[in-house]
Amino acid sequence: GDYDLVLAQGRSAIEAMAAGASVMIGSSRAFGPLVRP
């Protein structure tokens, strides 16, 4: 809840979105898009 945006993947990304943060997908291999409606 302390962050505007979180770089995460998979379950971690879901946790961040559930907490209300904006999320851009990222892993240790490649990036994904900013999650939008």
Full PDB file with SEQRES, HELIX, SHEET, SSBOND, CRYST1, ORIGX, SCALE, CONECT and MASTER records, all heavy atoms in Angstrom:
SEQRES   1 A   37  GLY ASP TYR ASP LEU VAL LEU ALA GLN GLY ARG SER ALA          
SEQRES   2 A   37  ILE GLU ALA MET ALA ALA GLY ALA SER VAL MET ILE GLY          
SEQRES   3 A   37  SER SER ARG ALA PHE GLY PRO LEU VAL ARG PRO                  
HELIX    1 AA1 GLY A   10  ALA A   18  1                                   9    
SHEET    1 AA1 3 LEU A   5  ALA A   8  0                                        
SHEET    2 AA1 3 SER A  22  GLY A  26  1                                        
SHEET    3 AA1 3 PHE A  31  LEU A  34 -1                                        
CRYST1    1.000    1.000    1.000  90.00  90.00  90.00 P 1           1          
ORIGX1      1.000000  0.000000  0.000000        0.00000                         
ORIGX2      0.000000  1.000000  0.000000        0.00000                         
ORIGX3      0.000000  0.000000  1.000000        0.00000                         
SCALE1      1.000000  0.000000  0.000000        0.00000                         
SCALE2      0.000000  1.000000  0.000000        0.00000                         
SCALE3      0.000000  0.000000  1.000000        0.00000                         
ATOM      1  N   GLY A   1       0.790  -1.221   0.000  1.00  0.00           N  
ATOM      2  CA  GLY A   1       0.000   0.000   0.000  1.00  0.00           C  
ATOM      3  C   GLY A   1       0.821   1.269   0.000  1.00  0.00           C  
ATOM      4  O   GLY A   1       0.276   2.370  -0.169  1.00  0.00           O  
ATOM      5  N   ASP A   2       2.141   1.150   0.150  1.00  0.00           N  
ATOM      6  CA  ASP A   2       3.005   2.330   0.198  1.00  0.00           C  
ATOM      7  C   ASP A   2       3.450   2.793  -1.194  1.00  0.00           C  
ATOM      8  O   ASP A   2       4.141   3.811  -1.296  1.00  0.00           O  
ATOM      9  CB  ASP A   2       4.264   2.036   1.029  1.00  0.00           C  
ATOM     10  CG  ASP A   2       3.946   1.742   2.483  1.00  0.00           C  
ATOM     11  OD1 ASP A   2       2.889   2.203   2.959  1.00  0.00           O  
ATOM     12  OD2 ASP A   2       4.750   1.051   3.135  1.00  0.00           O  
ATOM     13  N   TYR A   3       3.058   2.063  -2.241  1.00  0.00           N  
ATOM     14  CA  TYR A   3       3.616   2.333  -3.568  1.00  0.00           C  
ATOM     15  C   TYR A   3       2.530   2.691  -4.581  1.00  0.00           C  
ATOM     16  O   TYR A   3       1.410   2.194  -4.531  1.00  0.00           O  
ATOM     17  CB  TYR A   3       4.401   1.113  -4.053  1.00  0.00           C  
ATOM     18  CG  TYR A   3       5.588   0.832  -3.172  1.00  0.00           C  
ATOM     19  CD1 TYR A   3       5.488  -0.050  -2.098  1.00  0.00           C  
ATOM     20  CD2 TYR A   3       6.794   1.498  -3.372  1.00  0.00           C  
ATOM     21  CE1 TYR A   3       6.557  -0.278  -1.254  1.00  0.00           C  
ATOM     22  CE2 TYR A   3       7.876   1.276  -2.531  1.00  0.00           C  
ATOM     23  CZ  TYR A   3       7.750   0.398  -1.482  1.00  0.00           C  
ATOM     24  OH  TYR A   3       8.816   0.184  -0.643  1.00  0.00           O  
ATOM     25  N   ASP A   4       2.934   3.581  -5.513  1.00  0.00           N  
ATOM     26  CA  ASP A   4       2.053   3.909  -6.632  1.00  0.00           C  
ATOM     27  C   ASP A   4       2.069   2.797  -7.672  1.00  0.00           C  
ATOM     28  O   ASP A   4       1.039   2.474  -8.258  1.00  0.00           O  
ATOM     29  CB  ASP A   4       2.517   5.212  -7.310  1.00  0.00           C  
ATOM     30  CG  ASP A   4       2.522   6.387  -6.366  1.00  0.00           C  
ATOM     31  OD1 ASP A   4       1.455   6.674  -5.790  1.00  0.00           O  
ATOM     32  OD2 ASP A   4       3.584   7.010  -6.188  1.00  0.00           O  
ATOM     33  N   LEU A   5       3.265   2.240  -7.906  1.00  0.00           N  
ATOM     34  CA  LEU A   5       3.412   1.234  -8.950  1.00  0.00           C  
ATOM     35  C   LEU A   5       4.317   0.115  -8.473  1.00  0.00           C  
ATOM     36  O   LEU A   5       5.311   0.352  -7.781  1.00  0.00           O  
ATOM     37  CB  LEU A   5       4.006   1.845 -10.218  1.00  0.00           C  
ATOM     38  CG  LEU A   5       4.114   0.833 -11.370  1.00  0.00           C  
ATOM     39  CD1 LEU A   5       3.388   1.300 -12.599  1.00  0.00           C  
ATOM     40  CD2 LEU A   5       5.567   0.507 -11.663  1.00  0.00           C  
ATOM     41  N   VAL A   6       3.963  -1.131  -8.873  1.00  0.00           N  
ATOM     42  CA  VAL A   6       4.738  -2.310  -8.507  1.00  0.00           C  
ATOM     43  C   VAL A   6       5.115  -3.063  -9.776  1.00  0.00           C  
ATOM     44  O   VAL A   6       4.266  -3.304 -10.640  1.00  0.00           O  
ATOM     45  CB  VAL A   6       3.935  -3.234  -7.568  1.00  0.00           C  
ATOM     46  CG1 VAL A   6       4.724  -4.498  -7.248  1.00  0.00           C  
ATOM     47  CG2 VAL A   6       3.553  -2.493  -6.281  1.00  0.00           C  
ATOM     48  N   LEU A   7       6.390  -3.424  -9.888  1.00  0.00           N  
ATOM     49  CA  LEU A   7       6.874  -4.316 -10.945  1.00  0.00           C  
ATOM     50  C   LEU A   7       6.844  -5.729 -10.396  1.00  0.00           C  
ATOM     51  O   LEU A   7       7.568  -6.050  -9.442  1.00  0.00           O  
ATOM     52  CB  LEU A   7       8.298  -3.945 -11.348  1.00  0.00           C  
ATOM     53  CG  LEU A   7       8.489  -2.651 -12.144  1.00  0.00           C  
ATOM     54  CD1 LEU A   7       9.955  -2.251 -12.144  1.00  0.00           C  
ATOM     55  CD2 LEU A   7       8.005  -2.842 -13.572  1.00  0.00           C  
ATOM     56  N   ALA A   8       6.008  -6.603 -10.962  1.00  0.00           N  
ATOM     57  CA  ALA A   8       5.843  -7.948 -10.416  1.00  0.00           C  
ATOM     58  C   ALA A   8       5.242  -8.857 -11.473  1.00  0.00           C  
ATOM     59  O   ALA A   8       4.766  -8.402 -12.524  1.00  0.00           O  
ATOM     60  CB  ALA A   8       4.953  -7.911  -9.171  1.00  0.00           C  
ATOM     61  N   GLN A   9       5.238 -10.148 -11.172  1.00  0.00           N  
ATOM     62  CA  GLN A   9       4.635 -11.138 -12.064  1.00  0.00           C  
ATOM     63  C   GLN A   9       3.778 -12.098 -11.253  1.00  0.00           C  
ATOM     64  O   GLN A   9       3.883 -12.178 -10.032  1.00  0.00           O  
ATOM     65  CB  GLN A   9       5.726 -11.929 -12.787  1.00  0.00           C  
ATOM     66  CG  GLN A   9       6.550 -12.809 -11.858  1.00  0.00           C  
ATOM     67  CD  GLN A   9       7.482 -13.754 -12.585  1.00  0.00           C  
ATOM     68  OE1 GLN A   9       7.273 -14.087 -13.746  1.00  0.00           O  
ATOM     69  NE2 GLN A   9       8.543 -14.193 -11.911  1.00  0.00           N  
ATOM     70  N   GLY A  10       2.932 -12.844 -11.971  1.00  0.00           N  
ATOM     71  CA  GLY A  10       2.180 -13.929 -11.366  1.00  0.00           C  
ATOM     72  C   GLY A  10       1.392 -13.527 -10.141  1.00  0.00           C  
ATOM     73  O   GLY A  10       0.722 -12.494 -10.099  1.00  0.00           O  
ATOM     74  N   ARG A  11       1.481 -14.358  -9.115  1.00  0.00           N  
ATOM     75  CA  ARG A  11       0.730 -14.125  -7.882  1.00  0.00           C  
ATOM     76  C   ARG A  11       1.108 -12.805  -7.237  1.00  0.00           C  
ATOM     77  O   ARG A  11       0.249 -12.100  -6.690  1.00  0.00           O  
ATOM     78  CB  ARG A  11       0.984 -15.282  -6.920  1.00  0.00           C  
ATOM     79  CG  ARG A  11       0.202 -15.195  -5.632  1.00  0.00           C  
ATOM     80  CD  ARG A  11       0.657 -16.277  -4.669  1.00  0.00           C  
ATOM     81  NE  ARG A  11      -0.051 -16.143  -3.406  1.00  0.00           N  
ATOM     82  CZ  ARG A  11      -1.180 -16.782  -3.090  1.00  0.00           C  
ATOM     83  NH1 ARG A  11      -1.716 -17.610  -3.959  1.00  0.00           N  
ATOM     84  NH2 ARG A  11      -1.764 -16.602  -1.933  1.00  0.00           N  
ATOM     85  N   SER A  12       2.395 -12.434  -7.298  1.00  0.00           N  
ATOM     86  CA  SER A  12       2.817 -11.172  -6.694  1.00  0.00           C  
ATOM     87  C   SER A  12       2.122  -9.988  -7.353  1.00  0.00           C  
ATOM     88  O   SER A  12       1.752  -9.015  -6.681  1.00  0.00           O  
ATOM     89  CB  SER A  12       4.338 -11.015  -6.805  1.00  0.00           C  
ATOM     90  OG  SER A  12       5.004 -12.018  -6.077  1.00  0.00           O  
ATOM     91  N   ALA A  13       1.952 -10.063  -8.673  1.00  0.00           N  
ATOM     92  CA  ALA A  13       1.242  -8.994  -9.380  1.00  0.00           C  
ATOM     93  C   ALA A  13      -0.207  -8.912  -8.921  1.00  0.00           C  
ATOM     94  O   ALA A  13      -0.755  -7.814  -8.731  1.00  0.00           O  
ATOM     95  CB  ALA A  13       1.318  -9.226 -10.889  1.00  0.00           C  
ATOM     96  N   ILE A  14      -0.827 -10.060  -8.729  1.00  0.00           N  
ATOM     97  CA  ILE A  14      -2.223 -10.084  -8.280  1.00  0.00           C  
ATOM     98  C   ILE A  14      -2.346  -9.474  -6.885  1.00  0.00           C  
ATOM     99  O   ILE A  14      -3.266  -8.703  -6.596  1.00  0.00           O  
ATOM    100  CB  ILE A  14      -2.767 -11.521  -8.311  1.00  0.00           C  
ATOM    101  CG1 ILE A  14      -2.753 -12.063  -9.745  1.00  0.00           C  
ATOM    102  CG2 ILE A  14      -4.196 -11.561  -7.758  1.00  0.00           C  
ATOM    103  CD1 ILE A  14      -3.043 -13.549  -9.835  1.00  0.00           C  
ATOM    104  N   GLU A  15      -1.415  -9.825  -6.012  1.00  0.00           N  
ATOM    105  CA  GLU A  15      -1.431  -9.268  -4.654  1.00  0.00           C  
ATOM    106  C   GLU A  15      -1.322  -7.743  -4.700  1.00  0.00           C  
ATOM    107  O   GLU A  15      -2.047  -7.036  -3.980  1.00  0.00           O  
ATOM    108  CB  GLU A  15      -0.281  -9.851  -3.847  1.00  0.00           C  
ATOM    109  CG  GLU A  15      -0.442 -11.322  -3.523  1.00  0.00           C  
ATOM    110  CD  GLU A  15       0.808 -11.955  -2.945  1.00  0.00           C  
ATOM    111  OE1 GLU A  15       1.877 -11.301  -2.952  1.00  0.00           O  
ATOM    112  OE2 GLU A  15       0.721 -13.114  -2.484  1.00  0.00           O  
ATOM    113  N   ALA A  16      -0.432  -7.232  -5.555  1.00  0.00           N  
ATOM    114  CA  ALA A  16      -0.242  -5.785  -5.639  1.00  0.00           C  
ATOM    115  C   ALA A  16      -1.489  -5.095  -6.182  1.00  0.00           C  
ATOM    116  O   ALA A  16      -1.882  -4.033  -5.681  1.00  0.00           O  
ATOM    117  CB  ALA A  16       0.967  -5.466  -6.515  1.00  0.00           C  
ATOM    118  N   MET A  17      -2.120  -5.677  -7.194  1.00  0.00           N  
ATOM    119  CA  MET A  17      -3.348  -5.076  -7.744  1.00  0.00           C  
ATOM    120  C   MET A  17      -4.479  -5.139  -6.727  1.00  0.00           C  
ATOM    121  O   MET A  17      -5.267  -4.198  -6.609  1.00  0.00           O  
ATOM    122  CB  MET A  17      -3.734  -5.782  -9.045  1.00  0.00           C  
ATOM    123  CG  MET A  17      -2.850  -5.404 -10.223  1.00  0.00           C  
ATOM    124  SD  MET A  17      -3.301  -6.222 -11.763  1.00  0.00           S  
ATOM    125  CE  MET A  17      -2.539  -7.822 -11.520  1.00  0.00           C  
ATOM    126  N   ALA A  18      -4.575  -6.255  -6.010  1.00  0.00           N  
ATOM    127  CA  ALA A  18      -5.606  -6.353  -4.974  1.00  0.00           C  
ATOM    128  C   ALA A  18      -5.417  -5.279  -3.911  1.00  0.00           C  
ATOM    129  O   ALA A  18      -6.390  -4.751  -3.357  1.00  0.00           O  
ATOM    130  CB  ALA A  18      -5.578  -7.735  -4.333  1.00  0.00           C  
ATOM    131  N   ALA A  19      -4.152  -4.934  -3.640  1.00  0.00           N  
ATOM    132  CA  ALA A  19      -3.854  -3.885  -2.657  1.00  0.00           C  
ATOM    133  C   ALA A  19      -4.095  -2.484  -3.193  1.00  0.00           C  
ATOM    134  O   ALA A  19      -4.029  -1.518  -2.433  1.00  0.00           O  
ATOM    135  CB  ALA A  19      -2.413  -4.011  -2.186  1.00  0.00           C  
ATOM    136  N   GLY A  20      -4.361  -2.367  -4.502  1.00  0.00           N  
ATOM    137  CA  GLY A  20      -4.707  -1.078  -5.083  1.00  0.00           C  
ATOM    138  C   GLY A  20      -3.610  -0.402  -5.862  1.00  0.00           C  
ATOM    139  O   GLY A  20      -3.824   0.679  -6.422  1.00  0.00           O  
ATOM    140  N   ALA A  21      -2.425  -1.010  -5.910  1.00  0.00           N  
ATOM    141  CA  ALA A  21      -1.322  -0.390  -6.646  1.00  0.00           C  
ATOM    142  C   ALA A  21      -1.472  -0.607  -8.144  1.00  0.00           C  
ATOM    143  O   ALA A  21      -2.076  -1.582  -8.589  1.00  0.00           O  
ATOM    144  CB  ALA A  21       0.016  -0.962  -6.170  1.00  0.00           C  
ATOM    145  N   SER A  22      -0.897   0.286  -8.921  1.00  0.00           N  
ATOM    146  CA  SER A  22      -0.746   0.060 -10.350  1.00  0.00           C  
ATOM    147  C   SER A  22       0.364  -0.965 -10.538  1.00  0.00           C  
ATOM    148  O   SER A  22       1.316  -1.021  -9.754  1.00  0.00           O  
ATOM    149  CB  SER A  22      -0.394   1.371 -11.056  1.00  0.00           C  
ATOM    150  OG  SER A  22      -0.292   1.187 -12.451  1.00  0.00           O  
ATOM    151  N   VAL A  23       0.254  -1.797 -11.582  1.00  0.00           N  
ATOM    152  CA  VAL A  23       1.220  -2.871 -11.783  1.00  0.00           C  
ATOM    153  C   VAL A  23       1.690  -2.895 -13.228  1.00  0.00           C  
ATOM    154  O   VAL A  23       0.898  -2.782 -14.162  1.00  0.00           O  
ATOM    155  CB  VAL A  23       0.604  -4.247 -11.420  1.00  0.00           C  
ATOM    156  CG1 VAL A  23       1.480  -5.398 -11.929  1.00  0.00           C  
ATOM    157  CG2 VAL A  23       0.424  -4.360  -9.913  1.00  0.00           C  
ATOM    158  N   MET A  24       3.006  -3.042 -13.389  1.00  0.00           N  
ATOM    159  CA  MET A  24       3.603  -3.385 -14.679  1.00  0.00           C  
ATOM    160  C   MET A  24       4.240  -4.754 -14.516  1.00  0.00           C  
ATOM    161  O   MET A  24       4.917  -5.028 -13.528  1.00  0.00           O  
ATOM    162  CB  MET A  24       4.662  -2.367 -15.096  1.00  0.00           C  
ATOM    163  CG  MET A  24       5.345  -2.733 -16.411  1.00  0.00           C  
ATOM    164  SD  MET A  24       6.632  -1.537 -16.886  1.00  0.00           S  
ATOM    165  CE  MET A  24       7.578  -2.572 -18.027  1.00  0.00           C  
ATOM    166  N   ILE A  25       4.004  -5.642 -15.473  1.00  0.00           N  
ATOM    167  CA  ILE A  25       4.508  -7.004 -15.364  1.00  0.00           C  
ATOM    168  C   ILE A  25       6.004  -7.031 -15.621  1.00  0.00           C  
ATOM    169  O   ILE A  25       6.503  -6.430 -16.564  1.00  0.00           O  
ATOM    170  CB  ILE A  25       3.775  -7.925 -16.360  1.00  0.00           C  
ATOM    171  CG1 ILE A  25       2.281  -7.976 -16.018  1.00  0.00           C  
ATOM    172  CG2 ILE A  25       4.367  -9.336 -16.315  1.00  0.00           C  
ATOM    173  CD1 ILE A  25       1.446  -8.660 -17.067  1.00  0.00           C  
ATOM    174  N   GLY A  26       6.722  -7.740 -14.748  1.00  0.00           N  
ATOM    175  CA  GLY A  26       8.150  -7.899 -14.927  1.00  0.00           C  
ATOM    176  C   GLY A  26       8.628  -9.144 -14.238  1.00  0.00           C  
ATOM    177  O   GLY A  26       8.093  -9.555 -13.206  1.00  0.00           O  
ATOM    178  N   SER A  27       9.621  -9.799 -14.823  1.00  0.00           N  
ATOM    179  CA  SER A  27      10.238 -10.956 -14.202  1.00  0.00           C  
ATOM    180  C   SER A  27      11.737 -10.794 -14.320  1.00  0.00           C  
ATOM    181  O   SER A  27      12.238  -9.744 -14.735  1.00  0.00           O  
ATOM    182  CB  SER A  27       9.789 -12.245 -14.906  1.00  0.00           C  
ATOM    183  OG  SER A  27      10.435 -12.382 -16.160  1.00  0.00           O  
ATOM    184  N   SER A  28      12.470 -11.849 -14.013  1.00  0.00           N  
ATOM    185  CA  SER A  28      13.918 -11.794 -14.146  1.00  0.00           C  
ATOM    186  C   SER A  28      14.361 -12.078 -15.576  1.00  0.00           C  
ATOM    187  O   SER A  28      15.552 -12.055 -15.865  1.00  0.00           O  
ATOM    188  CB  SER A  28      14.568 -12.809 -13.200  1.00  0.00           C  
ATOM    189  OG  SER A  28      14.079 -14.109 -13.469  1.00  0.00           O  
ATOM    190  N   ARG A  29      13.411 -12.335 -16.478  1.00  0.00           N  
ATOM    191  CA  ARG A  29      13.749 -12.657 -17.857  1.00  0.00           C  
ATOM    192  C   ARG A  29      13.305 -11.598 -18.849  1.00  0.00           C  
ATOM    193  O   ARG A  29      13.985 -11.314 -19.825  1.00  0.00           O  
ATOM    194  CB  ARG A  29      13.123 -13.995 -18.252  1.00  0.00           C  
ATOM    195  CG  ARG A  29      13.686 -15.186 -17.547  1.00  0.00           C  
ATOM    196  CD  ARG A  29      13.009 -16.457 -18.035  1.00  0.00           C  
ATOM    197  NE  ARG A  29      11.561 -16.411 -17.803  1.00  0.00           N  
ATOM    198  CZ  ARG A  29      10.973 -16.831 -16.697  1.00  0.00           C  
ATOM    199  NH1 ARG A  29      11.706 -17.309 -15.711  1.00  0.00           N  
ATOM    200  NH2 ARG A  29       9.667 -16.779 -16.555  1.00  0.00           N  
ATOM    201  N   ALA A  30      12.118 -11.051 -18.651  1.00  0.00           N  
ATOM    202  CA  ALA A  30      11.545 -10.119 -19.626  1.00  0.00           C  
ATOM    203  C   ALA A  30      10.474  -9.289 -18.938  1.00  0.00           C  
ATOM    204  O   ALA A  30      10.029  -9.605 -17.841  1.00  0.00           O  
ATOM    205  CB  ALA A  30      10.963 -10.868 -20.825  1.00  0.00           C  
ATOM    206  N   PHE A  31      10.061  -8.222 -19.621  1.00  0.00           N  
ATOM    207  CA  PHE A  31       8.999  -7.364 -19.110  1.00  0.00           C  
ATOM    208  C   PHE A  31       7.694  -7.642 -19.845  1.00  0.00           C  
ATOM    209  O   PHE A  31       7.671  -8.177 -20.959  1.00  0.00           O  
ATOM    210  CB  PHE A  31       9.367  -5.891 -19.304  1.00  0.00           C  
ATOM    211  CG  PHE A  31      10.460  -5.406 -18.403  1.00  0.00           C  
ATOM    212  CD1 PHE A  31      11.447  -4.566 -18.896  1.00  0.00           C  
ATOM    213  CD2 PHE A  31      10.524  -5.770 -17.077  1.00  0.00           C  
ATOM    214  CE1 PHE A  31      12.463  -4.095 -18.081  1.00  0.00           C  
ATOM    215  CE2 PHE A  31      11.528  -5.314 -16.245  1.00  0.00           C  
ATOM    216  CZ  PHE A  31      12.505  -4.468 -16.749  1.00  0.00           C  
ATOM    217  N   GLY A  32       6.611  -7.232 -19.205  1.00  0.00           N  
ATOM    218  CA  GLY A  32       5.302  -7.253 -19.830  1.00  0.00           C  
ATOM    219  C   GLY A  32       4.696  -5.875 -19.727  1.00  0.00           C  
ATOM    220  O   GLY A  32       5.324  -4.931 -19.235  1.00  0.00           O  
ATOM    221  N   PRO A  33       3.443  -5.723 -20.149  1.00  0.00           N  
ATOM    222  CA  PRO A  33       2.841  -4.395 -20.208  1.00  0.00           C  
ATOM    223  C   PRO A  33       2.373  -3.873 -18.862  1.00  0.00           C  
ATOM    224  O   PRO A  33       2.258  -4.612 -17.874  1.00  0.00           O  
ATOM    225  CB  PRO A  33       1.640  -4.621 -21.135  1.00  0.00           C  
ATOM    226  CG  PRO A  33       1.279  -6.056 -20.916  1.00  0.00           C  
ATOM    227  CD  PRO A  33       2.579  -6.778 -20.702  1.00  0.00           C  
ATOM    228  N   LEU A  34       2.098  -2.584 -18.832  1.00  0.00           N  
ATOM    229  CA  LEU A  34       1.366  -1.979 -17.735  1.00  0.00           C  
ATOM    230  C   LEU A  34      -0.049  -2.547 -17.752  1.00  0.00           C  
ATOM    231  O   LEU A  34      -0.691  -2.636 -18.808  1.00  0.00           O  
ATOM    232  CB  LEU A  34       1.321  -0.464 -17.917  1.00  0.00           C  
ATOM    233  CG  LEU A  34       0.584   0.351 -16.854  1.00  0.00           C  
ATOM    234  CD1 LEU A  34       1.354   0.349 -15.546  1.00  0.00           C  
ATOM    235  CD2 LEU A  34       0.368   1.786 -17.350  1.00  0.00           C  
ATOM    236  N   VAL A  35      -0.544  -2.979 -16.599  1.00  0.00           N  
ATOM    237  CA  VAL A  35      -1.889  -3.548 -16.532  1.00  0.00           C  
ATOM    238  C   VAL A  35      -2.903  -2.409 -16.523  1.00  0.00           C  
ATOM    239  O   VAL A  35      -2.833  -1.501 -15.691  1.00  0.00           O  
ATOM    240  CB  VAL A  35      -2.057  -4.435 -15.292  1.00  0.00           C  
ATOM    241  CG1 VAL A  35      -3.439  -5.083 -15.294  1.00  0.00           C  
ATOM    242  CG2 VAL A  35      -0.968  -5.506 -15.237  1.00  0.00           C  
ATOM    243  N   ARG A  36      -3.838  -2.485 -17.469  1.00  0.00           N  
ATOM    244  CA  ARG A  36      -4.838  -1.434 -17.655  1.00  0.00           C  
ATOM    245  C   ARG A  36      -6.233  -2.066 -17.706  1.00  0.00           C  
ATOM    246  O   ARG A  36      -6.362  -3.285 -17.880  1.00  0.00           O  
ATOM    247  CB  ARG A  36      -4.574  -0.670 -18.956  1.00  0.00           C  
ATOM    248  CG  ARG A  36      -3.168  -0.116 -19.110  1.00  0.00           C  
ATOM    249  CD  ARG A  36      -3.036   0.624 -20.454  1.00  0.00           C  
ATOM    250  NE  ARG A  36      -3.466  -0.213 -21.559  1.00  0.00           N  
ATOM    251  CZ  ARG A  36      -2.662  -1.038 -22.244  1.00  0.00           C  
ATOM    252  NH1 ARG A  36      -1.383  -1.143 -21.913  1.00  0.00           N  
ATOM    253  NH2 ARG A  36      -3.134  -1.771 -23.237  1.00  0.00           N  
ATOM    254  N   PRO A  37      -7.273  -1.271 -17.615  1.00  0.00           N  
ATOM    255  CA  PRO A  37      -8.620  -1.846 -17.701  1.00  0.00           C  
ATOM    256  C   PRO A  37      -8.883  -2.587 -19.007  1.00  0.00           C  
ATOM    257  O   PRO A  37      -9.660  -3.548 -19.025  1.00  0.00           O  
ATOM    258  CB  PRO A  37      -9.530  -0.612 -17.568  1.00  0.00           C  
ATOM    259  CG  PRO A  37      -8.723   0.358 -16.769  1.00  0.00           C  
ATOM    260  CD  PRO A  37      -7.307   0.166 -17.219  1.00  0.00           C  
TER     261      PRO A  37                                                      
MASTER        0    0    0    1    3    0    0    6  260    1    0    3          
END                                                                             
